[in-house]
Amino acid sequence: MNQFDSDKPIFIQVREMIEDQIVNDQLKEGDQAPSTNQLVQFYKINHATVSKGINQLVEEDILFKKRGVGMFVMEGAKEKLIQKRKESFMDNYVIGLVQEAEKLKVTEQEIIDLIKQAKRRIQP
């Protein structure tokens, strides 16, 4: 049984797992990424599915292929991923937060205070 979320295509989840490993420094620039075959065997998923996720990372210049050797993390990949995620964070969270804050007449300082309160709640 695998650990994939049924609400999201598996190839996207494969891509995101590798992205997470890069962002979290489990895979560093120049490191060899897991091969398609390793991922297929470990997660018991279709080769075409894994390839689709990996190929997206190649197209986005996150991974590059060394023929006959494998896939490697591209120089600058971590920074590129962080920038992409910051943009996504803005689109998916911050804009909605600001819009709701404006409706409720919450000031910028109150937002900052709320963020600090939230951080204290989630930090061990």
Protein backbone atom coordinates (compact mmCIF):
# COMPACT_ATOMS: atom_id res chain seq x y z
CA MET A 1 0.00 0.00 0.00
CA ASN A 2 1.44 3.39 -0.89
CA GLN A 3 1.23 6.74 0.87
CA PHE A 4 -0.32 8.79 -1.92
CA ASP A 5 -3.25 11.19 -1.58
CA SER A 6 -6.14 10.09 -3.79
CA ASP A 7 -7.23 13.70 -4.38
CA LYS A 8 -4.11 14.64 -6.35
CA PRO A 9 -2.57 12.94 -9.41
CA ILE A 10 0.28 10.64 -8.38
CA PHE A 11 2.75 12.12 -10.90
CA ILE A 12 2.29 15.51 -9.19
CA GLN A 13 2.86 13.92 -5.80
CA VAL A 14 6.05 12.26 -7.06
CA ARG A 15 7.26 15.63 -8.37
CA GLU A 16 6.39 17.35 -5.09
CA MET A 17 8.19 14.68 -3.03
CA ILE A 18 11.39 15.32 -4.96
CA GLU A 19 10.86 19.09 -4.71
CA ASP A 20 10.44 18.73 -0.93
CA GLN A 21 13.68 16.76 -0.71
CA ILE A 22 15.49 19.58 -2.55
CA VAL A 23 13.92 22.39 -0.49
CA ASN A 24 14.67 20.49 2.77
CA ASP A 25 18.30 19.82 1.72
CA GLN A 26 17.82 16.06 1.61
CA LEU A 27 18.89 16.38 -2.03
CA LYS A 28 21.46 19.08 -2.70
CA GLU A 29 22.47 20.68 -5.99
CA GLY A 30 24.58 18.20 -7.94
CA ASP A 31 23.24 15.20 -5.98
CA GLN A 32 21.84 12.23 -7.85
CA ALA A 33 18.06 12.02 -7.54
CA PRO A 34 16.30 8.67 -7.13
CA SER A 35 15.94 6.89 -10.46
CA THR A 36 12.60 6.26 -12.10
CA ASN A 37 13.09 2.53 -11.51
CA GLN A 38 13.87 3.05 -7.81
CA LEU A 39 10.70 5.11 -7.38
CA VAL A 40 8.60 2.57 -9.31
CA GLN A 41 9.87 -0.30 -7.15
CA PHE A 42 9.67 1.56 -3.83
CA TYR A 43 6.19 3.02 -4.28
CA LYS A 44 4.79 0.22 -6.49
CA ILE A 45 3.47 2.67 -9.08
CA ASN A 46 3.44 2.77 -12.85
CA HIS A 47 6.66 3.69 -14.68
CA ALA A 48 4.85 6.19 -16.94
CA THR A 49 3.42 7.95 -13.89
CA VAL A 50 6.84 8.38 -12.28
CA SER A 51 8.36 9.45 -15.60
CA LYS A 52 5.73 12.16 -16.05
CA GLY A 53 6.58 13.70 -12.67
CA ILE A 54 10.33 13.44 -13.26
CA ASN A 55 10.06 14.88 -16.77
CA GLN A 56 8.22 17.94 -15.43
CA LEU A 57 11.18 18.58 -13.12
CA VAL A 58 13.54 18.26 -16.08
CA GLU A 59 11.42 20.69 -18.13
CA GLU A 60 11.49 23.17 -15.23
CA ASP A 61 15.31 22.90 -14.94
CA ILE A 62 15.12 21.36 -11.47
CA LEU A 63 16.67 18.05 -12.54
CA PHE A 64 18.94 17.19 -15.45
CA LYS A 65 19.75 13.88 -17.09
CA LYS A 66 23.23 12.44 -17.47
CA ARG A 67 22.81 9.82 -20.14
CA GLY A 68 23.53 6.36 -18.79
CA VAL A 69 24.09 7.68 -15.26
CA GLY A 70 20.82 9.11 -13.95
CA MET A 71 19.06 12.27 -12.84
CA PHE A 72 20.78 15.01 -10.90
CA VAL A 73 19.70 18.16 -9.09
CA MET A 74 20.36 21.25 -11.19
CA GLU A 75 22.41 24.13 -9.83
CA GLY A 76 20.00 26.82 -8.61
CA ALA A 77 17.14 24.32 -8.23
CA LYS A 78 16.51 24.99 -4.54
CA GLU A 79 16.27 28.76 -5.01
CA LYS A 80 14.00 28.30 -8.03
CA LEU A 81 11.69 26.02 -6.04
CA ILE A 82 11.61 28.37 -3.06
CA GLN A 83 10.70 31.29 -5.32
CA LYS A 84 7.96 29.24 -7.00
CA ARG A 85 6.55 28.23 -3.62
CA LYS A 86 6.62 31.81 -2.33
CA GLU A 87 4.58 32.89 -5.36
CA SER A 88 2.15 30.03 -4.74
CA PHE A 89 1.95 30.98 -1.05
CA MET A 90 1.06 34.52 -2.04
CA ASP A 91 -1.65 33.36 -4.45
CA ASN A 92 -3.10 30.63 -2.24
CA TYR A 93 -2.92 32.21 1.22
CA VAL A 94 -1.79 35.81 1.49
CA ILE A 95 -4.16 37.40 -1.02
CA GLY A 96 -7.18 35.76 0.60
CA LEU A 97 -5.95 36.72 4.05
CA VAL A 98 -5.54 40.37 3.01
CA GLN A 99 -8.94 40.43 1.33
CA GLU A 100 -10.64 39.02 4.43
CA ALA A 101 -8.68 41.38 6.70
CA GLU A 102 -9.88 44.35 4.65
CA LYS A 103 -13.51 43.20 4.96
CA LEU A 104 -13.06 42.93 8.73
CA LYS A 105 -11.10 46.21 8.97
CA VAL A 106 -8.10 44.37 10.43
CA THR A 107 -4.99 46.56 10.33
CA GLU A 108 -1.57 45.43 9.09
CA GLN A 109 -0.29 45.54 12.67
CA GLU A 110 -3.19 43.36 13.82
CA ILE A 111 -2.36 40.87 11.05
CA ILE A 112 1.26 40.79 12.21
CA ASP A 113 0.12 40.27 15.80
CA LEU A 114 -2.19 37.43 14.70
CA ILE A 115 0.66 35.76 12.81
CA LYS A 116 2.87 35.98 15.91
CA GLN A 117 0.09 34.45 18.02
CA ALA A 118 -0.34 31.63 15.49
CA LYS A 119 3.40 30.93 15.50
CA ARG A 120 3.41 30.66 19.29
CA ARG A 121 0.52 28.17 19.12
CA ILE A 122 2.24 25.86 16.63
CA GLN A 123 5.80 25.98 18.00
CA PRO A 124 6.65 23.26 20.50
